[in-house]
């Protein structure tokens, strides 16, 4: 079976040449690809094409990529989004809005295909957490993989799918320092340590988990992160 068989993508960029090369390459891999060159056209295409994933340029001539995502999320669309950007400063802003990943320009087509596969696999629940349904605990933090519920001190903690996968892996290895590479490979399906993505999601977890009690997530500078119970 072809790699992208049955999966729909939307490619959005204000440069027709980039749209053409991405769409052609992804169609070659078996994906059903729609195209758009403006933000408003992208919103229309999401409604009509119902893509599984959108490759979305940040710089568009009408609505920028950030506004497109805001409108998609406000309308309840949970489609996966991978930003295309030439500016490193756009990365954190995109992740804050709920993007699943990003690709910096100039990019290699092989990298685009790999990121698309990884994001779709995560969206399908095919990566990031083991099948073991054992409830994980550390101090007053509890994660139940059967119900996907997370609580700290009895208070429910709402997490995005990526935040959940990251916390699950930290909890499953409580007390053990996990390197940037180990976390990226397990949660994002690629081992190159992208500190911008990882730092952003660690920050989100701290905001949601560590705000409810003594800090549990700790940085090992230059190495990675560890989740451990507070010292007595």
C-alpha atoms as a PDB file:
ATOM      1  CA  UNK A   1       0.000   0.000   0.000  1.00  0.00           C
ATOM      2  CA  UNK A   2       1.207   3.510  -0.805  1.00  0.00           C
ATOM      3  CA  UNK A   3       2.451   5.543   2.150  1.00  0.00           C
ATOM      4  CA  UNK A   4      -0.229   8.236   2.053  1.00  0.00           C
ATOM      5  CA  UNK A   5      -3.120   6.118   0.806  1.00  0.00           C
ATOM      6  CA  UNK A   6      -6.379   7.429   2.228  1.00  0.00           C
ATOM      7  CA  UNK A   7      -4.799  10.474   3.911  1.00  0.00           C
ATOM      8  CA  UNK A   8      -5.698  14.012   2.904  1.00  0.00           C
ATOM      9  CA  UNK A   9      -3.288  16.948   3.154  1.00  0.00           C
ATOM     10  CA  UNK A  10      -3.573  20.683   2.527  1.00  0.00           C
ATOM     11  CA  UNK A  11      -0.497  22.653   1.429  1.00  0.00           C
ATOM     12  CA  UNK A  12      -0.679  26.419   2.019  1.00  0.00           C
ATOM     13  CA  UNK A  13       2.041  28.863   0.899  1.00  0.00           C
ATOM     14  CA  UNK A  14       1.990  32.226  -0.825  1.00  0.00           C
ATOM     15  CA  UNK A  15       4.641  31.040  -3.294  1.00  0.00           C
ATOM     16  CA  UNK A  16       2.982  28.879  -5.987  1.00  0.00           C
ATOM     17  CA  UNK A  17       6.309  27.202  -6.792  1.00  0.00           C
ATOM     18  CA  UNK A  18       6.635  25.930  -3.213  1.00  0.00           C
ATOM     19  CA  UNK A  19       3.027  24.740  -3.197  1.00  0.00           C
ATOM     20  CA  UNK A  20       3.603  22.927  -6.481  1.00  0.00           C
ATOM     21  CA  UNK A  21       6.786  21.129  -5.435  1.00  0.00           C
ATOM     22  CA  UNK A  22       5.350  20.077  -2.061  1.00  0.00           C
ATOM     23  CA  UNK A  23       2.016  18.952  -3.501  1.00  0.00           C
ATOM     24  CA  UNK A  24       3.678  17.026  -6.326  1.00  0.00           C
ATOM     25  CA  UNK A  25       6.088  15.253  -3.973  1.00  0.00           C
ATOM     26  CA  UNK A  26       3.373  14.342  -1.476  1.00  0.00           C
ATOM     27  CA  UNK A  27       1.025  13.098  -4.207  1.00  0.00           C
ATOM     28  CA  UNK A  28       3.858  10.877  -5.410  1.00  0.00           C
ATOM     29  CA  UNK A  29       3.815   9.319  -1.921  1.00  0.00           C
ATOM     30  CA  UNK A  30       0.097   8.599  -2.256  1.00  0.00           C
ATOM     31  CA  UNK A  31      -1.456  11.529  -0.371  1.00  0.00           C
ATOM     32  CA  UNK A  32      -4.580  13.304  -1.575  1.00  0.00           C
ATOM     33  CA  UNK A  33      -3.351  16.915  -1.614  1.00  0.00           C
ATOM     34  CA  UNK A  34      -5.316  20.166  -1.845  1.00  0.00           C
ATOM     35  CA  UNK A  35      -3.594  23.522  -2.383  1.00  0.00           C
ATOM     36  CA  UNK A  36      -4.059  27.131  -1.261  1.00  0.00           C
ATOM     37  CA  UNK A  37      -2.010  30.317  -1.487  1.00  0.00           C
ATOM     38  CA  UNK A  38      -3.919  32.573   0.942  1.00  0.00           C
ATOM     39  CA  UNK A  39      -5.216  32.273   4.486  1.00  0.00           C
ATOM     40  CA  UNK A  40      -8.875  32.603   3.513  1.00  0.00           C
ATOM     41  CA  UNK A  41      -8.472  30.005   0.774  1.00  0.00           C
ATOM     42  CA  UNK A  42      -6.882  27.720   3.383  1.00  0.00           C
ATOM     43  CA  UNK A  43      -9.913  28.063   5.695  1.00  0.00           C
ATOM     44  CA  UNK A  44     -12.238  27.275   2.784  1.00  0.00           C
ATOM     45  CA  UNK A  45     -10.103  24.261   1.810  1.00  0.00           C
ATOM     46  CA  UNK A  46     -10.189  22.855   5.348  1.00  0.00           C
ATOM     47  CA  UNK A  47     -14.001  22.931   5.199  1.00  0.00           C
ATOM     48  CA  UNK A  48     -14.246  21.422   1.724  1.00  0.00           C
ATOM     49  CA  UNK A  49     -11.292  19.011   1.713  1.00  0.00           C
ATOM     50  CA  UNK A  50     -11.351  17.959   5.399  1.00  0.00           C
ATOM     51  CA  UNK A  51      -7.582  17.322   5.522  1.00  0.00           C
ATOM     52  CA  UNK A  52      -5.884  15.175   8.125  1.00  0.00           C
ATOM     53  CA  UNK A  53      -2.964  17.625   8.208  1.00  0.00           C
ATOM     54  CA  UNK A  54      -2.212  21.153   6.996  1.00  0.00           C
ATOM     55  CA  UNK A  55       1.268  22.294   5.946  1.00  0.00           C
ATOM     56  CA  UNK A  56       0.832  26.007   6.636  1.00  0.00           C
ATOM     57  CA  UNK A  57       3.119  28.896   5.745  1.00  0.00           C
ATOM     58  CA  UNK A  58       3.284  31.610   8.410  1.00  0.00           C
ATOM     59  CA  UNK A  59       3.628  34.534   5.968  1.00  0.00           C
ATOM     60  CA  UNK A  60       0.479  34.762   3.838  1.00  0.00           C
ATOM     61  CA  UNK A  61      -0.868  37.796   1.948  1.00  0.00           C
ATOM     62  CA  UNK A  62      -4.178  38.180   3.801  1.00  0.00           C
ATOM     63  CA  UNK A  63      -4.489  36.211   7.052  1.00  0.00           C
ATOM     64  CA  UNK A  64      -1.153  34.997   8.384  1.00  0.00           C
ATOM     65  CA  UNK A  65      -0.722  31.380   9.404  1.00  0.00           C
ATOM     66  CA  UNK A  66      -1.183  32.189  13.090  1.00  0.00           C
ATOM     67  CA  UNK A  67      -4.598  33.755  12.429  1.00  0.00           C
ATOM     68  CA  UNK A  68      -5.592  30.774  10.285  1.00  0.00           C
ATOM     69  CA  UNK A  69      -4.851  28.438  13.198  1.00  0.00           C
ATOM     70  CA  UNK A  70      -6.697  30.712  15.656  1.00  0.00           C
ATOM     71  CA  UNK A  71      -9.796  30.572  13.468  1.00  0.00           C
ATOM     72  CA  UNK A  72      -9.511  26.826  12.949  1.00  0.00           C
ATOM     73  CA  UNK A  73      -9.232  26.170  16.684  1.00  0.00           C
ATOM     74  CA  UNK A  74     -11.993  28.672  17.523  1.00  0.00           C
ATOM     75  CA  UNK A  75     -14.238  26.817  15.083  1.00  0.00           C
ATOM     76  CA  UNK A  76     -13.469  23.479  16.719  1.00  0.00           C
ATOM     77  CA  UNK A  77     -11.262  22.086  13.922  1.00  0.00           C
ATOM     78  CA  UNK A  78      -8.746  19.650  15.390  1.00  0.00           C
ATOM     79  CA  UNK A  79      -6.818  19.106  12.155  1.00  0.00           C
ATOM     80  CA  UNK A  80      -3.079  18.629  12.651  1.00  0.00           C
ATOM     81  CA  UNK A  81      -0.988  21.653  11.652  1.00  0.00           C
ATOM     82  CA  UNK A  82       2.689  21.849  10.703  1.00  0.00           C
ATOM     83  CA  UNK A  83       3.977  25.386  10.201  1.00  0.00           C
ATOM     84  CA  UNK A  84       6.368  26.302   7.411  1.00  0.00           C
ATOM     85  CA  UNK A  85       8.535  29.247   8.466  1.00  0.00           C
ATOM     86  CA  UNK A  86      11.779  30.984   7.594  1.00  0.00           C
ATOM     87  CA  UNK A  87      11.921  32.753  10.978  1.00  0.00           C
ATOM     88  CA  UNK A  88      13.014  30.888  14.090  1.00  0.00           C
ATOM     89  CA  UNK A  89      11.075  33.351  16.239  1.00  0.00           C
ATOM     90  CA  UNK A  90       7.809  32.035  14.787  1.00  0.00           C
ATOM     91  CA  UNK A  91       8.329  28.591  16.306  1.00  0.00           C
ATOM     92  CA  UNK A  92       7.201  29.226  19.877  1.00  0.00           C
ATOM     93  CA  UNK A  93       4.290  31.403  18.730  1.00  0.00           C
ATOM     94  CA  UNK A  94       3.060  28.609  16.478  1.00  0.00           C
ATOM     95  CA  UNK A  95       3.338  25.967  19.175  1.00  0.00           C
ATOM     96  CA  UNK A  96       1.520  28.222  21.638  1.00  0.00           C
ATOM     97  CA  UNK A  97      -1.434  28.311  19.243  1.00  0.00           C
ATOM     98  CA  UNK A  98      -1.636  24.534  19.135  1.00  0.00           C
ATOM     99  CA  UNK A  99       0.453  23.632  16.094  1.00  0.00           C
ATOM    100  CA  UNK A 100       1.808  20.079  16.112  1.00  0.00           C
ATOM    101  CA  UNK A 101       5.218  20.780  14.600  1.00  0.00           C
ATOM    102  CA  UNK A 102       7.112  23.141  12.343  1.00  0.00           C
ATOM    103  CA  UNK A 103       9.575  22.993   9.464  1.00  0.00           C
ATOM    104  CA  UNK A 104      12.070  25.754   8.781  1.00  0.00           C
ATOM    105  CA  UNK A 105      12.783  27.041   5.287  1.00  0.00           C
ATOM    106  CA  UNK A 106      14.694  26.123   3.271  1.00  0.00           C
ATOM    107  CA  UNK A 107      13.642  22.520   3.800  1.00  0.00           C
ATOM    108  CA  UNK A 108      14.404  19.155   2.274  1.00  0.00           C
ATOM    109  CA  UNK A 109      11.488  17.195   0.818  1.00  0.00           C
ATOM    110  CA  UNK A 110      12.605  14.094   2.726  1.00  0.00           C
ATOM    111  CA  UNK A 111      12.312  16.054   5.986  1.00  0.00           C
ATOM    112  CA  UNK A 112       8.808  17.248   5.090  1.00  0.00           C
ATOM    113  CA  UNK A 113       7.683  13.695   4.350  1.00  0.00           C
ATOM    114  CA  UNK A 114       9.193  12.444   7.625  1.00  0.00           C
ATOM    115  CA  UNK A 115       7.506  15.180   9.689  1.00  0.00           C
ATOM    116  CA  UNK A 116       4.151  14.513   8.006  1.00  0.00           C
ATOM    117  CA  UNK A 117       4.428  10.790   8.769  1.00  0.00           C
ATOM    118  CA  UNK A 118       5.387  11.458  12.387  1.00  0.00           C
ATOM    119  CA  UNK A 119       2.558  13.929  13.061  1.00  0.00           C
ATOM    120  CA  UNK A 120      -0.058  11.681  11.448  1.00  0.00           C
ATOM    121  CA  UNK A 121       1.233   8.704  13.418  1.00  0.00           C
ATOM    122  CA  UNK A 122       0.947  10.682  16.666  1.00  0.00           C
ATOM    123  CA  UNK A 123      -2.543  11.864  15.746  1.00  0.00           C
ATOM    124  CA  UNK A 124      -3.516   8.218  15.242  1.00  0.00           C
ATOM    125  CA  UNK A 125      -2.182   7.347  18.697  1.00  0.00           C
ATOM    126  CA  UNK A 126       0.557   5.238  17.188  1.00  0.00           C
ATOM    127  CA  UNK A 127       3.456   6.619  19.171  1.00  0.00           C
ATOM    128  CA  UNK A 128       4.508   8.081  22.449  1.00  0.00           C
ATOM    129  CA  UNK A 129       2.929   5.887  25.148  1.00  0.00           C
ATOM    130  CA  UNK A 130       3.238   2.161  25.833  1.00  0.00           C
ATOM    131  CA  UNK A 131       0.229  -0.150  25.974  1.00  0.00           C
ATOM    132  CA  UNK A 132       0.662  -0.784  29.715  1.00  0.00           C
ATOM    133  CA  UNK A 133      -2.429   0.492  31.548  1.00  0.00           C
ATOM    134  CA  UNK A 134      -0.730   0.821  34.946  1.00  0.00           C
ATOM    135  CA  UNK A 135      -1.632   4.059  36.729  1.00  0.00           C
ATOM    136  CA  UNK A 136       1.508   6.183  37.054  1.00  0.00           C
ATOM    137  CA  UNK A 137       2.150   8.228  40.208  1.00  0.00           C
ATOM    138  CA  UNK A 138       4.788  10.573  41.552  1.00  0.00           C
ATOM    139  CA  UNK A 139       4.106  12.468  44.781  1.00  0.00           C
ATOM    140  CA  UNK A 140       0.539  13.801  44.362  1.00  0.00           C
ATOM    141  CA  UNK A 141       0.604  13.578  40.546  1.00  0.00           C
ATOM    142  CA  UNK A 142      -1.362  10.728  38.959  1.00  0.00           C
ATOM    143  CA  UNK A 143      -1.854   9.675  35.332  1.00  0.00           C
ATOM    144  CA  UNK A 144      -4.337   6.969  34.348  1.00  0.00           C
ATOM    145  CA  UNK A 145      -3.591   5.661  30.807  1.00  0.00           C
ATOM    146  CA  UNK A 146      -6.929   3.838  30.681  1.00  0.00           C
ATOM    147  CA  UNK A 147      -8.916   7.068  30.874  1.00  0.00           C
ATOM    148  CA  UNK A 148      -6.202   9.574  29.830  1.00  0.00           C
ATOM    149  CA  UNK A 149      -6.947  11.475  33.030  1.00  0.00           C
ATOM    150  CA  UNK A 150      -4.249  13.434  34.857  1.00  0.00           C
ATOM    151  CA  UNK A 151      -4.695  14.784  38.377  1.00  0.00           C
ATOM    152  CA  UNK A 152      -2.478  16.614  40.819  1.00  0.00           C
ATOM    153  CA  UNK A 153      -3.595  16.781  44.421  1.00  0.00           C
ATOM    154  CA  UNK A 154      -7.053  15.709  43.259  1.00  0.00           C
ATOM    155  CA  UNK A 155      -7.293  18.541  40.711  1.00  0.00           C
ATOM    156  CA  UNK A 156      -7.866  17.535  37.087  1.00  0.00           C
ATOM    157  CA  UNK A 157      -5.153  18.685  34.670  1.00  0.00           C
ATOM    158  CA  UNK A 158      -6.195  19.210  31.045  1.00  0.00           C
ATOM    159  CA  UNK A 159      -3.416  18.351  28.594  1.00  0.00           C
ATOM    160  CA  UNK A 160      -3.066  18.367  24.832  1.00  0.00           C
ATOM    161  CA  UNK A 161      -2.149  15.011  23.217  1.00  0.00           C
ATOM    162  CA  UNK A 162       1.516  16.022  22.914  1.00  0.00           C
ATOM    163  CA  UNK A 163       1.646  17.308  26.498  1.00  0.00           C
ATOM    164  CA  UNK A 164       0.101  14.019  27.644  1.00  0.00           C
ATOM    165  CA  UNK A 165       2.671  11.915  25.775  1.00  0.00           C
ATOM    166  CA  UNK A 166       5.521  13.968  27.203  1.00  0.00           C
ATOM    167  CA  UNK A 167       4.224  13.766  30.773  1.00  0.00           C
ATOM    168  CA  UNK A 168       3.549  10.027  30.414  1.00  0.00           C
ATOM    169  CA  UNK A 169       7.139   9.409  29.363  1.00  0.00           C
ATOM    170  CA  UNK A 170       8.528  11.549  32.178  1.00  0.00           C
ATOM    171  CA  UNK A 171       6.305   9.797  34.735  1.00  0.00           C
ATOM    172  CA  UNK A 172       7.130   6.333  33.406  1.00  0.00           C
ATOM    173  CA  UNK A 173      10.789   7.216  33.989  1.00  0.00           C
ATOM    174  CA  UNK A 174      10.354   9.181  37.223  1.00  0.00           C
ATOM    175  CA  UNK A 175      13.688   9.859  38.901  1.00  0.00           C
ATOM    176  CA  UNK A 176      15.636   9.203  35.705  1.00  0.00           C
ATOM    177  CA  UNK A 177      17.177  12.007  33.658  1.00  0.00           C
ATOM    178  CA  UNK A 178      15.952  11.803  30.056  1.00  0.00           C
ATOM    179  CA  UNK A 179      18.093  13.482  27.416  1.00  0.00           C
ATOM    180  CA  UNK A 180      16.743  15.891  24.837  1.00  0.00           C
ATOM    181  CA  UNK A 181      17.339  13.243  22.173  1.00  0.00           C
ATOM    182  CA  UNK A 182      15.467  10.524  24.096  1.00  0.00           C
ATOM    183  CA  UNK A 183      12.456  12.758  24.624  1.00  0.00           C
ATOM    184  CA  UNK A 184      12.353  13.935  21.007  1.00  0.00           C
ATOM    185  CA  UNK A 185      12.646  10.409  19.677  1.00  0.00           C
ATOM    186  CA  UNK A 186       9.964   8.984  21.976  1.00  0.00           C
ATOM    187  CA  UNK A 187       7.420  11.801  21.847  1.00  0.00           C
ATOM    188  CA  UNK A 188       8.022  13.355  18.423  1.00  0.00           C
ATOM    189  CA  UNK A 189       9.408  10.361  16.505  1.00  0.00           C
ATOM    190  CA  UNK A 190      12.710  11.972  15.552  1.00  0.00           C
ATOM    191  CA  UNK A 191      15.885  12.006  17.543  1.00  0.00           C
ATOM    192  CA  UNK A 192      17.476  15.320  16.590  1.00  0.00           C
ATOM    193  CA  UNK A 193      17.131  17.442  19.714  1.00  0.00           C
ATOM    194  CA  UNK A 194      14.981  20.439  18.791  1.00  0.00           C
ATOM    195  CA  UNK A 195      15.238  22.469  21.942  1.00  0.00           C
ATOM    196  CA  UNK A 196      12.698  25.090  20.820  1.00  0.00           C
ATOM    197  CA  UNK A 197       9.905  22.497  20.573  1.00  0.00           C
ATOM    198  CA  UNK A 198      10.926  20.571  23.662  1.00  0.00           C
ATOM    199  CA  UNK A 199      11.451  23.644  25.845  1.00  0.00           C
ATOM    200  CA  UNK A 200       8.051  24.980  24.822  1.00  0.00           C
ATOM    201  CA  UNK A 201       6.234  21.813  25.837  1.00  0.00           C
ATOM    202  CA  UNK A 202       8.169  21.493  29.084  1.00  0.00           C
ATOM    203  CA  UNK A 203       7.086  25.068  29.812  1.00  0.00           C
ATOM    204  CA  UNK A 204       3.443  24.154  29.107  1.00  0.00           C
ATOM    205  CA  UNK A 205       3.647  21.179  31.467  1.00  0.00           C
ATOM    206  CA  UNK A 206       5.210  23.240  34.212  1.00  0.00           C
ATOM    207  CA  UNK A 207       2.486  25.844  33.816  1.00  0.00           C
ATOM    208  CA  UNK A 208      -0.203  23.192  34.230  1.00  0.00           C
ATOM    209  CA  UNK A 209       1.394  20.658  36.608  1.00  0.00           C
ATOM    210  CA  UNK A 210       3.977  22.502  38.702  1.00  0.00           C
ATOM    211  CA  UNK A 211       1.594  25.399  39.326  1.00  0.00           C
ATOM    212  CA  UNK A 212      -0.483  23.071  41.527  1.00  0.00           C
ATOM    213  CA  UNK A 213       2.261  22.236  44.029  1.00  0.00           C
ATOM    214  CA  UNK A 214       6.007  21.958  44.572  1.00  0.00           C
ATOM    215  CA  UNK A 215       7.912  21.637  41.268  1.00  0.00           C
ATOM    216  CA  UNK A 216       8.183  18.080  39.925  1.00  0.00           C
ATOM    217  CA  UNK A 217       9.822  18.735  36.526  1.00  0.00           C
ATOM    218  CA  UNK A 218      13.498  19.681  36.754  1.00  0.00           C
ATOM    219  CA  UNK A 219      16.065  20.735  34.169  1.00  0.00           C
ATOM    220  CA  UNK A 220      19.459  19.124  33.846  1.00  0.00           C
ATOM    221  CA  UNK A 221      21.214  21.882  31.950  1.00  0.00           C
ATOM    222  CA  UNK A 222      22.710  20.743  28.688  1.00  0.00           C
ATOM    223  CA  UNK A 223      21.351  17.220  29.158  1.00  0.00           C
ATOM    224  CA  UNK A 224      17.586  17.001  29.514  1.00  0.00           C
ATOM    225  CA  UNK A 225      14.820  16.775  32.111  1.00  0.00           C
ATOM    226  CA  UNK A 226      13.778  14.656  35.078  1.00  0.00           C
ATOM    227  CA  UNK A 227      10.474  14.315  36.918  1.00  0.00           C
ATOM    228  CA  UNK A 228      10.901  13.499  40.592  1.00  0.00           C
ATOM    229  CA  UNK A 229       9.108  13.925  43.905  1.00  0.00           C
ATOM    230  CA  UNK A 230       9.992  16.994  46.011  1.00  0.00           C
ATOM    231  CA  UNK A 231      12.690  16.408  48.561  1.00  0.00           C
ATOM    232  CA  UNK A 232      11.380  16.025  52.123  1.00  0.00           C
END
